[in-house]
Amino acid sequence: MEYKIRSRIWIEVDGEILLGEGRVQLLKAIAETGSLSKAAKLLGMSYKKAWSLIDAVNTRAKKPVIATSIGGKKGGGTLLTEYGATLIETYERLNEKCWEFLDEQIAIASL
């Protein structure tokens, strides 16, 4: 029998959530689809909810995490900024290190 500890982490700014698993998934979906509405649809979430989450991240982050363009002949879009990509990488690295630490601790405990 192998024990595993799992946890969820999030990054806060002044007591407010900046980034967590759901917001990271949304940012990744935006990067994949080039559209907030398509990203929301991909994740089974309403556009309003997706916009609310992205707006919260943009408000709390040091720099914008997305860049939008207004529709034209080819339509508008939403792109992940370099800073947004950096936030995703940072979050995922922290999450991975956290799980590694927890795995080490459960091994030490010899349950």
C-alpha atoms as a PDB file:
ATOM      1  CA  MET A   1       0.000   0.000   0.000  1.00  0.00           C
ATOM      2  CA  GLU A   2       1.398   3.400  -0.991  1.00  0.00           C
ATOM      3  CA  TYR A   3       0.297   6.557   0.765  1.00  0.00           C
ATOM      4  CA  LYS A   4       0.205   9.893  -1.042  1.00  0.00           C
ATOM      5  CA  ILE A   5      -0.494  13.342   0.289  1.00  0.00           C
ATOM      6  CA  ARG A   6      -2.127  15.779  -2.100  1.00  0.00           C
ATOM      7  CA  SER A   7      -2.725  19.428  -1.549  1.00  0.00           C
ATOM      8  CA  ARG A   8      -3.947  22.448  -3.430  1.00  0.00           C
ATOM      9  CA  ILE A   9      -1.962  25.614  -3.371  1.00  0.00           C
ATOM     10  CA  TRP A  10      -2.756  29.098  -4.476  1.00  0.00           C
ATOM     11  CA  ILE A  11      -0.904  32.377  -4.570  1.00  0.00           C
ATOM     12  CA  GLU A  12      -2.457  35.364  -2.805  1.00  0.00           C
ATOM     13  CA  VAL A  13      -1.866  39.092  -3.013  1.00  0.00           C
ATOM     14  CA  ASP A  14      -2.986  41.100   0.017  1.00  0.00           C
ATOM     15  CA  GLY A  15      -5.245  38.251   1.142  1.00  0.00           C
ATOM     16  CA  GLU A  16      -6.927  37.866  -2.269  1.00  0.00           C
ATOM     17  CA  ILE A  17      -6.359  34.914  -4.614  1.00  0.00           C
ATOM     18  CA  LEU A  18      -4.109  35.735  -7.537  1.00  0.00           C
ATOM     19  CA  LEU A  19      -3.601  32.264  -8.937  1.00  0.00           C
ATOM     20  CA  GLY A  20      -4.820  28.759  -8.263  1.00  0.00           C
ATOM     21  CA  GLU A  21      -5.423  25.584 -10.256  1.00  0.00           C
ATOM     22  CA  GLY A  22      -8.610  26.805 -11.952  1.00  0.00           C
ATOM     23  CA  ARG A  23      -7.143  30.123 -13.013  1.00  0.00           C
ATOM     24  CA  VAL A  24      -4.014  28.402 -14.323  1.00  0.00           C
ATOM     25  CA  GLN A  25      -6.164  26.016 -16.388  1.00  0.00           C
ATOM     26  CA  LEU A  26      -8.057  29.002 -17.810  1.00  0.00           C
ATOM     27  CA  LEU A  27      -4.835  30.816 -18.733  1.00  0.00           C
ATOM     28  CA  LYS A  28      -3.514  27.664 -20.404  1.00  0.00           C
ATOM     29  CA  ALA A  29      -6.769  27.283 -22.350  1.00  0.00           C
ATOM     30  CA  ILE A  30      -6.492  30.911 -23.513  1.00  0.00           C
ATOM     31  CA  ALA A  31      -2.947  30.229 -24.699  1.00  0.00           C
ATOM     32  CA  GLU A  32      -4.191  27.133 -26.542  1.00  0.00           C
ATOM     33  CA  THR A  33      -7.282  28.657 -28.168  1.00  0.00           C
ATOM     34  CA  GLY A  34      -6.359  32.333 -28.552  1.00  0.00           C
ATOM     35  CA  SER A  35      -9.787  33.271 -27.227  1.00  0.00           C
ATOM     36  CA  LEU A  36     -11.372  33.797 -23.834  1.00  0.00           C
ATOM     37  CA  SER A  37     -14.774  32.585 -25.050  1.00  0.00           C
ATOM     38  CA  LYS A  38     -13.262  29.438 -26.608  1.00  0.00           C
ATOM     39  CA  ALA A  39     -11.208  28.821 -23.464  1.00  0.00           C
ATOM     40  CA  ALA A  40     -14.317  29.142 -21.297  1.00  0.00           C
ATOM     41  CA  LYS A  41     -16.218  26.741 -23.558  1.00  0.00           C
ATOM     42  CA  LEU A  42     -13.315  24.262 -23.517  1.00  0.00           C
ATOM     43  CA  LEU A  43     -13.394  24.245 -19.714  1.00  0.00           C
ATOM     44  CA  GLY A  44     -17.190  24.112 -19.457  1.00  0.00           C
ATOM     45  CA  MET A  45     -17.474  27.509 -17.816  1.00  0.00           C
ATOM     46  CA  SER A  46     -19.532  30.558 -18.678  1.00  0.00           C
ATOM     47  CA  TYR A  47     -17.881  33.469 -20.430  1.00  0.00           C
ATOM     48  CA  LYS A  48     -18.931  35.709 -17.523  1.00  0.00           C
ATOM     49  CA  LYS A  49     -17.192  33.436 -14.994  1.00  0.00           C
ATOM     50  CA  ALA A  50     -14.074  33.216 -17.168  1.00  0.00           C
ATOM     51  CA  TRP A  51     -13.936  36.989 -17.599  1.00  0.00           C
ATOM     52  CA  SER A  52     -14.409  37.475 -13.854  1.00  0.00           C
ATOM     53  CA  LEU A  53     -11.485  35.145 -13.057  1.00  0.00           C
ATOM     54  CA  ILE A  54      -9.184  36.753 -15.635  1.00  0.00           C
ATOM     55  CA  ASP A  55     -10.153  40.243 -14.500  1.00  0.00           C
ATOM     56  CA  ALA A  56      -9.286  39.287 -10.899  1.00  0.00           C
ATOM     57  CA  VAL A  57      -5.890  37.952 -11.983  1.00  0.00           C
ATOM     58  CA  ASN A  58      -5.153  41.035 -14.090  1.00  0.00           C
ATOM     59  CA  THR A  59      -6.191  43.348 -11.243  1.00  0.00           C
ATOM     60  CA  ARG A  60      -3.921  41.638  -8.701  1.00  0.00           C
ATOM     61  CA  ALA A  61      -0.931  40.828 -10.909  1.00  0.00           C
ATOM     62  CA  LYS A  62       2.001  43.197 -11.360  1.00  0.00           C
ATOM     63  CA  LYS A  63       1.452  43.151 -15.141  1.00  0.00           C
ATOM     64  CA  PRO A  64      -1.385  42.072 -17.441  1.00  0.00           C
ATOM     65  CA  VAL A  65      -1.611  38.323 -17.991  1.00  0.00           C
ATOM     66  CA  ILE A  66      -3.616  38.602 -21.205  1.00  0.00           C
ATOM     67  CA  ALA A  67      -3.773  40.959 -24.156  1.00  0.00           C
ATOM     68  CA  THR A  68      -6.991  41.378 -26.096  1.00  0.00           C
ATOM     69  CA  SER A  69      -7.674  42.612 -29.576  1.00  0.00           C
ATOM     70  CA  ILE A  70     -10.989  43.973 -30.816  1.00  0.00           C
ATOM     71  CA  GLY A  71     -12.749  42.069 -33.568  1.00  0.00           C
ATOM     72  CA  GLY A  72     -12.288  43.019 -37.189  1.00  0.00           C
ATOM     73  CA  LYS A  73     -12.432  41.061 -40.419  1.00  0.00           C
ATOM     74  CA  LYS A  74     -10.777  38.094 -38.766  1.00  0.00           C
ATOM     75  CA  GLY A  75     -12.329  38.722 -35.340  1.00  0.00           C
ATOM     76  CA  GLY A  76     -10.695  39.601 -32.064  1.00  0.00           C
ATOM     77  CA  GLY A  77      -8.753  37.416 -29.748  1.00  0.00           C
ATOM     78  CA  THR A  78      -7.108  36.980 -26.403  1.00  0.00           C
ATOM     79  CA  LEU A  79      -3.448  36.131 -26.035  1.00  0.00           C
ATOM     80  CA  LEU A  80      -1.448  35.106 -23.011  1.00  0.00           C
ATOM     81  CA  THR A  81       1.282  37.631 -22.261  1.00  0.00           C
ATOM     82  CA  GLU A  82       4.855  36.670 -21.474  1.00  0.00           C
ATOM     83  CA  TYR A  83       4.157  37.620 -17.855  1.00  0.00           C
ATOM     84  CA  GLY A  84       1.089  35.348 -17.871  1.00  0.00           C
ATOM     85  CA  ALA A  85       3.223  32.472 -19.137  1.00  0.00           C
ATOM     86  CA  THR A  86       5.755  33.185 -16.383  1.00  0.00           C
ATOM     87  CA  LEU A  87       3.005  33.039 -13.746  1.00  0.00           C
ATOM     88  CA  ILE A  88       1.844  29.665 -15.058  1.00  0.00           C
ATOM     89  CA  GLU A  89       5.393  28.264 -15.010  1.00  0.00           C
ATOM     90  CA  THR A  90       5.987  29.596 -11.502  1.00  0.00           C
ATOM     91  CA  TYR A  91       2.723  28.173 -10.178  1.00  0.00           C
ATOM     92  CA  GLU A  92       3.346  24.767 -11.715  1.00  0.00           C
ATOM     93  CA  ARG A  93       6.924  24.630 -10.403  1.00  0.00           C
ATOM     94  CA  LEU A  94       5.757  25.532  -6.886  1.00  0.00           C
ATOM     95  CA  ASN A  95       2.996  22.951  -7.038  1.00  0.00           C
ATOM     96  CA  GLU A  96       5.395  20.235  -8.205  1.00  0.00           C
ATOM     97  CA  LYS A  97       7.927  21.067  -5.477  1.00  0.00           C
ATOM     98  CA  CYS A  98       5.170  21.054  -2.876  1.00  0.00           C
ATOM     99  CA  TRP A  99       4.071  17.540  -3.934  1.00  0.00           C
ATOM    100  CA  GLU A 100       7.676  16.308  -3.955  1.00  0.00           C
ATOM    101  CA  PHE A 101       8.133  17.621  -0.416  1.00  0.00           C
ATOM    102  CA  LEU A 102       4.905  15.979   0.752  1.00  0.00           C
ATOM    103  CA  ASP A 103       5.918  12.661  -0.844  1.00  0.00           C
ATOM    104  CA  GLU A 104       9.249  12.833   0.978  1.00  0.00           C
ATOM    105  CA  GLN A 105       7.511  13.549   4.266  1.00  0.00           C
ATOM    106  CA  ILE A 106       5.081  10.647   3.970  1.00  0.00           C
ATOM    107  CA  ALA A 107       8.019   8.343   3.139  1.00  0.00           C
ATOM    108  CA  ILE A 108       9.882   9.555   6.224  1.00  0.00           C
ATOM    109  CA  ALA A 109       6.797   8.937   8.374  1.00  0.00           C
ATOM    110  CA  SER A 110       6.855   5.243   7.353  1.00  0.00           C
ATOM    111  CA  LEU A 111       3.119   4.811   7.599  1.00  0.00           C
END
